[in-house]
Every structure is written in structure tokens, then in C-alpha cells.
């Protein structure tokens, strides 16, 4: 009895994982192909498909918002990394010249 229950729970988990991966791939493909220009669509006669499309649209909108918010942070980190690199090279050069006059 216990092994059958574990098997069913495992199947449910695998199904949820597969649905999550399918959703993530669908969002990524739509984001890369359409970007933020996708419009939400709802067809009352096809409720399940329309719900899926609306959820993918929400995921694309969230991915676009995240990308817009992260871009300035990455630019700041890149500039800071360059400044640290310059500081390290200057410090290394100063250490080498003080050791060998």
C-alpha cells in the first residue's frame, strides 16, 4: 500500500515538474520571439487554452519587467568590476615598483 502511494505521489510530482518546464519554455520562446508586444487573448469558447495563453502572457510580462529592472543593476556591476580591475592593476604595479627600485 505504501509503495503504491509513493508511486502515485511521484507521478504527480513528475507531472507538475513537466508542466512547469513546459510553461517556462513556452514563456521563454514567446518572450524571445515576440518580446513585450504580445497581447492577451481570451476566447470564452476555448477556456482552457485561453487560460494557458493568458498565463503565458503574464509570464512574458513578468520576464520583460524583470529584464528591464536587472539591466541597470548589471551595468552598475560591470562598471564597478572594471573599476576594481583598474584598482587591482594599479596596486599590483605599485607593489612591483616598490620591491624592485
N, C-alpha and C. Protein backbone atom coordinates (compact mmCIF):
# COMPACT_ATOMS: atom_id res chain seq x y z
N UNK A 1 0.82 -1.19 0.00
CA UNK A 1 0.00 0.00 0.00
C UNK A 1 0.87 1.26 0.00
N UNK A 2 1.92 1.23 0.80
CA UNK A 2 2.80 2.40 0.91
C UNK A 2 3.53 2.66 -0.41
N UNK A 3 3.98 1.63 -1.07
CA UNK A 3 4.72 1.81 -2.32
C UNK A 3 3.81 2.34 -3.43
N UNK A 4 2.54 1.93 -3.45
CA UNK A 4 1.61 2.44 -4.44
C UNK A 4 1.37 3.93 -4.21
N UNK A 5 1.24 4.31 -2.96
CA UNK A 5 1.05 5.73 -2.63
C UNK A 5 2.29 6.54 -3.02
N UNK A 6 3.48 6.03 -2.74
CA UNK A 6 4.72 6.72 -3.14
C UNK A 6 4.81 6.84 -4.66
N UNK A 7 4.38 5.80 -5.35
CA UNK A 7 4.41 5.81 -6.81
C UNK A 7 3.48 6.89 -7.36
N UNK A 8 2.27 6.98 -6.82
CA UNK A 8 1.30 7.97 -7.28
C UNK A 8 1.81 9.39 -6.97
N UNK A 9 2.36 9.58 -5.78
CA UNK A 9 2.91 10.89 -5.42
C UNK A 9 4.06 11.25 -6.35
N UNK A 10 4.89 10.28 -6.68
CA UNK A 10 5.99 10.52 -7.62
C UNK A 10 5.49 10.91 -9.00
N UNK A 11 4.44 10.23 -9.47
CA UNK A 11 3.85 10.58 -10.76
C UNK A 11 3.28 11.99 -10.76
N UNK A 12 2.61 12.35 -9.68
CA UNK A 12 2.04 13.70 -9.58
C UNK A 12 3.16 14.74 -9.60
N UNK A 13 4.21 14.48 -8.85
CA UNK A 13 5.35 15.41 -8.83
C UNK A 13 5.99 15.54 -10.20
N UNK A 14 6.16 14.42 -10.89
CA UNK A 14 6.74 14.46 -12.24
C UNK A 14 5.83 15.23 -13.19
N UNK A 15 4.53 15.05 -13.06
CA UNK A 15 3.59 15.78 -13.90
C UNK A 15 3.65 17.28 -13.66
N UNK A 16 3.72 17.66 -12.39
CA UNK A 16 3.83 19.08 -12.06
C UNK A 16 5.14 19.67 -12.56
N UNK A 17 6.21 18.91 -12.42
CA UNK A 17 7.51 19.36 -12.92
C UNK A 17 7.49 19.52 -14.43
N UNK A 18 6.89 18.57 -15.13
CA UNK A 18 6.80 18.64 -16.58
C UNK A 18 5.95 19.84 -17.01
N UNK A 19 4.86 20.09 -16.30
CA UNK A 19 4.01 21.25 -16.63
C UNK A 19 4.78 22.55 -16.39
N UNK A 20 5.56 22.61 -15.32
CA UNK A 20 6.35 23.80 -15.04
C UNK A 20 7.42 24.04 -16.09
N UNK A 21 8.07 22.97 -16.52
CA UNK A 21 9.09 23.10 -17.57
C UNK A 21 8.44 23.53 -18.88
N UNK A 22 7.30 22.94 -19.22
CA UNK A 22 6.58 23.31 -20.44
C UNK A 22 6.18 24.78 -20.39
N UNK A 23 5.69 25.24 -19.24
CA UNK A 23 5.30 26.64 -19.08
C UNK A 23 6.51 27.56 -19.24
N UNK A 24 7.62 27.22 -18.58
CA UNK A 24 8.82 28.05 -18.66
C UNK A 24 9.35 28.13 -20.08
N UNK A 25 9.35 27.02 -20.79
CA UNK A 25 9.81 27.02 -22.18
C UNK A 25 8.88 27.85 -23.05
N UNK A 26 7.58 27.72 -22.84
CA UNK A 26 6.61 28.50 -23.62
C UNK A 26 6.78 30.00 -23.37
N UNK A 27 6.99 30.38 -22.12
CA UNK A 27 7.21 31.79 -21.79
C UNK A 27 8.51 32.28 -22.43
N UNK A 28 9.57 31.49 -22.32
CA UNK A 28 10.86 31.89 -22.89
C UNK A 28 10.78 32.04 -24.41
N UNK A 29 10.16 31.09 -25.07
CA UNK A 29 10.04 31.16 -26.53
C UNK A 29 9.22 32.38 -26.94
N UNK A 30 8.10 32.61 -26.27
CA UNK A 30 7.28 33.78 -26.60
C UNK A 30 8.02 35.08 -26.30
N UNK A 31 8.75 35.13 -25.20
CA UNK A 31 9.49 36.35 -24.84
C UNK A 31 10.57 36.64 -25.88
N UNK A 32 11.28 35.60 -26.30
CA UNK A 32 12.35 35.81 -27.28
C UNK A 32 11.80 36.12 -28.68
N UNK A 33 10.65 35.57 -29.03
CA UNK A 33 10.13 35.79 -30.38
C UNK A 33 9.26 37.05 -30.46
N UNK A 34 8.44 37.30 -29.46
CA UNK A 34 7.52 38.44 -29.52
C UNK A 34 7.90 39.58 -28.58
N UNK A 35 8.65 39.28 -27.53
CA UNK A 35 9.00 40.31 -26.56
C UNK A 35 7.77 40.80 -25.82
N UNK A 36 7.74 42.09 -25.56
CA UNK A 36 6.63 42.65 -24.80
C UNK A 36 5.42 42.97 -25.66
N UNK A 37 5.46 42.65 -26.95
CA UNK A 37 4.40 43.04 -27.86
C UNK A 37 3.25 42.05 -27.92
N UNK A 38 3.30 41.00 -27.14
CA UNK A 38 2.22 40.03 -27.14
C UNK A 38 0.99 40.61 -26.42
N UNK A 39 -0.16 40.42 -27.00
CA UNK A 39 -1.41 40.90 -26.42
C UNK A 39 -2.16 39.75 -25.76
N UNK A 40 -2.81 40.01 -24.63
CA UNK A 40 -3.60 38.94 -24.01
C UNK A 40 -4.83 38.64 -24.85
N UNK A 41 -5.13 37.36 -24.98
CA UNK A 41 -6.28 36.93 -25.76
C UNK A 41 -7.15 36.02 -24.88
N UNK A 42 -8.47 36.17 -25.01
CA UNK A 42 -9.34 35.26 -24.28
C UNK A 42 -10.52 34.92 -25.17
N UNK A 43 -10.72 33.64 -25.39
CA UNK A 43 -11.84 33.13 -26.18
C UNK A 43 -12.73 32.32 -25.25
N UNK A 44 -13.93 32.81 -24.94
CA UNK A 44 -14.80 32.09 -24.00
C UNK A 44 -15.15 30.67 -24.42
N UNK A 45 -15.12 30.39 -25.70
CA UNK A 45 -15.45 29.04 -26.15
C UNK A 45 -14.29 28.06 -25.94
N UNK A 46 -13.07 28.56 -25.74
CA UNK A 46 -11.89 27.72 -25.50
C UNK A 46 -11.22 28.20 -24.21
N UNK A 47 -11.85 27.93 -23.09
CA UNK A 47 -11.42 28.47 -21.81
C UNK A 47 -10.06 27.95 -21.35
N UNK A 48 -9.80 26.67 -21.51
CA UNK A 48 -8.53 26.10 -21.03
C UNK A 48 -7.36 26.67 -21.83
N UNK A 49 -7.49 26.68 -23.14
CA UNK A 49 -6.43 27.23 -23.99
C UNK A 49 -6.26 28.72 -23.74
N UNK A 50 -7.36 29.45 -23.57
CA UNK A 50 -7.27 30.88 -23.29
C UNK A 50 -6.62 31.15 -21.94
N UNK A 51 -6.92 30.32 -20.96
CA UNK A 51 -6.29 30.48 -19.65
C UNK A 51 -4.79 30.23 -19.75
N UNK A 52 -4.40 29.22 -20.51
CA UNK A 52 -2.97 28.95 -20.72
C UNK A 52 -2.29 30.15 -21.40
N UNK A 53 -2.92 30.67 -22.44
CA UNK A 53 -2.35 31.81 -23.15
C UNK A 53 -2.24 33.05 -22.26
N UNK A 54 -3.26 33.28 -21.43
CA UNK A 54 -3.20 34.42 -20.50
C UNK A 54 -2.08 34.24 -19.48
N UNK A 55 -1.89 33.01 -19.00
CA UNK A 55 -0.82 32.78 -18.03
C UNK A 55 0.55 32.93 -18.69
N UNK A 56 0.68 32.51 -19.94
CA UNK A 56 1.95 32.70 -20.66
C UNK A 56 2.18 34.19 -20.89
N UNK A 57 1.13 34.93 -21.24
CA UNK A 57 1.26 36.38 -21.41
C UNK A 57 1.72 37.04 -20.11
N UNK A 58 1.17 36.60 -18.98
CA UNK A 58 1.60 37.15 -17.69
C UNK A 58 3.06 36.80 -17.42
N UNK A 59 3.48 35.60 -17.78
CA UNK A 59 4.88 35.22 -17.60
C UNK A 59 5.81 36.04 -18.47
N UNK A 60 5.39 36.31 -19.71
CA UNK A 60 6.20 37.14 -20.61
C UNK A 60 6.29 38.57 -20.05
N UNK A 61 5.19 39.09 -19.55
CA UNK A 61 5.21 40.43 -18.97
C UNK A 61 6.12 40.48 -17.75
N UNK A 62 6.08 39.45 -16.92
CA UNK A 62 6.96 39.39 -15.75
C UNK A 62 8.42 39.27 -16.15
N UNK A 63 8.71 38.47 -17.18
CA UNK A 63 10.09 38.34 -17.66
C UNK A 63 10.59 39.66 -18.23
N UNK A 64 9.75 40.36 -18.95
CA UNK A 64 10.15 41.65 -19.52
C UNK A 64 10.41 42.67 -18.41
N UNK A 65 9.55 42.71 -17.41
CA UNK A 65 9.74 43.63 -16.29
C UNK A 65 11.02 43.30 -15.53
N UNK A 66 11.27 42.02 -15.32
CA UNK A 66 12.50 41.60 -14.63
C UNK A 66 13.73 42.00 -15.42
N UNK A 67 13.69 41.80 -16.74
CA UNK A 67 14.83 42.16 -17.58
C UNK A 67 15.08 43.66 -17.54
N UNK A 68 14.02 44.46 -17.56
CA UNK A 68 14.17 45.92 -17.50
C UNK A 68 14.72 46.38 -16.16
N UNK A 69 14.37 45.67 -15.09
CA UNK A 69 14.85 46.05 -13.76
C UNK A 69 16.29 45.60 -13.52
N UNK A 70 16.69 44.48 -14.10
CA UNK A 70 18.02 43.93 -13.86
C UNK A 70 19.08 44.62 -14.71
N UNK A 71 18.72 45.10 -15.88
CA UNK A 71 19.70 45.70 -16.80
C UNK A 71 20.51 46.83 -16.16
N UNK A 72 19.90 47.81 -15.47
CA UNK A 72 20.71 48.86 -14.83
C UNK A 72 21.62 48.31 -13.73
N UNK A 73 21.15 47.31 -13.01
CA UNK A 73 21.97 46.69 -11.97
C UNK A 73 23.19 46.02 -12.58
N UNK A 74 23.01 45.31 -13.68
CA UNK A 74 24.14 44.67 -14.34
C UNK A 74 25.13 45.69 -14.90
N UNK A 75 24.62 46.81 -15.41
CA UNK A 75 25.51 47.87 -15.89
C UNK A 75 26.34 48.44 -14.75
N UNK A 76 25.72 48.66 -13.60
CA UNK A 76 26.44 49.17 -12.43
C UNK A 76 27.49 48.17 -11.97
N UNK A 77 27.13 46.90 -11.92
CA UNK A 77 28.09 45.88 -11.51
C UNK A 77 29.25 45.78 -12.49
N UNK A 78 28.97 45.93 -13.78
CA UNK A 78 30.02 45.88 -14.78
C UNK A 78 31.00 47.04 -14.62
N UNK A 79 30.47 48.24 -14.39
CA UNK A 79 31.33 49.40 -14.18
C UNK A 79 32.16 49.24 -12.91
N UNK A 80 31.53 48.72 -11.84
CA UNK A 80 32.26 48.52 -10.59
C UNK A 80 33.35 47.47 -10.77
N UNK A 81 33.07 46.44 -11.54
CA UNK A 81 34.07 45.41 -11.80
C UNK A 81 35.26 45.99 -12.55
N UNK A 82 35.00 46.86 -13.52
CA UNK A 82 36.09 47.49 -14.26
C UNK A 82 36.91 48.39 -13.34
N UNK A 83 36.24 49.12 -12.45
CA UNK A 83 36.96 49.98 -11.50
C UNK A 83 37.83 49.15 -10.56
N UNK A 84 37.32 48.04 -10.09
CA UNK A 84 38.10 47.16 -9.21
C UNK A 84 39.28 46.58 -9.96
N UNK A 85 39.08 46.22 -11.21
CA UNK A 85 40.18 45.70 -12.02
C UNK A 85 41.28 46.73 -12.21
N UNK A 86 40.88 47.96 -12.49
CA UNK A 86 41.87 49.03 -12.63
C UNK A 86 42.61 49.26 -11.31
N UNK A 87 41.89 49.27 -10.20
CA UNK A 87 42.50 49.46 -8.89
C UNK A 87 43.49 48.34 -8.59
N UNK A 88 43.11 47.10 -8.90
CA UNK A 88 44.00 45.97 -8.64
C UNK A 88 45.25 46.04 -9.49
N UNK A 89 45.11 46.42 -10.76
CA UNK A 89 46.28 46.54 -11.62
C UNK A 89 47.21 47.66 -11.16
N UNK A 90 46.64 48.78 -10.75
CA UNK A 90 47.45 49.90 -10.24
C UNK A 90 48.17 49.50 -8.97
N UNK A 91 47.47 48.82 -8.09
CA UNK A 91 48.07 48.37 -6.83
C UNK A 91 49.18 47.36 -7.09
N UNK A 92 48.95 46.45 -7.99
CA UNK A 92 49.97 45.44 -8.34
C UNK A 92 51.20 46.12 -8.93
N UNK A 93 50.98 47.09 -9.80
CA UNK A 93 52.10 47.81 -10.41
C UNK A 93 52.87 48.58 -9.34
N UNK A 94 52.17 49.19 -8.40
CA UNK A 94 52.83 49.93 -7.32
C UNK A 94 53.65 49.00 -6.43
N UNK A 95 53.13 47.79 -6.16
CA UNK A 95 53.87 46.83 -5.33
C UNK A 95 55.12 46.34 -6.04
N UNK A 96 55.03 46.12 -7.34
CA UNK A 96 56.18 45.63 -8.10
C UNK A 96 57.27 46.70 -8.15
N UNK A 97 56.91 47.96 -8.34
CA UNK A 97 57.92 49.02 -8.42
C UNK A 97 58.55 49.31 -7.08
N UNK A 98 57.84 49.12 -5.96
CA UNK A 98 58.45 49.35 -4.65
C UNK A 98 59.37 48.21 -4.26
N UNK A 99 59.17 47.03 -4.75
CA UNK A 99 60.04 45.89 -4.43
C UNK A 99 61.33 45.94 -5.25
N UNK A 100 61.24 46.39 -6.47
CA UNK A 100 62.39 46.42 -7.37
C UNK A 100 62.66 47.86 -7.82
N UNK A 101 63.44 48.61 -7.06
CA UNK A 101 63.68 50.01 -7.43
C UNK A 101 64.57 50.17 -8.62
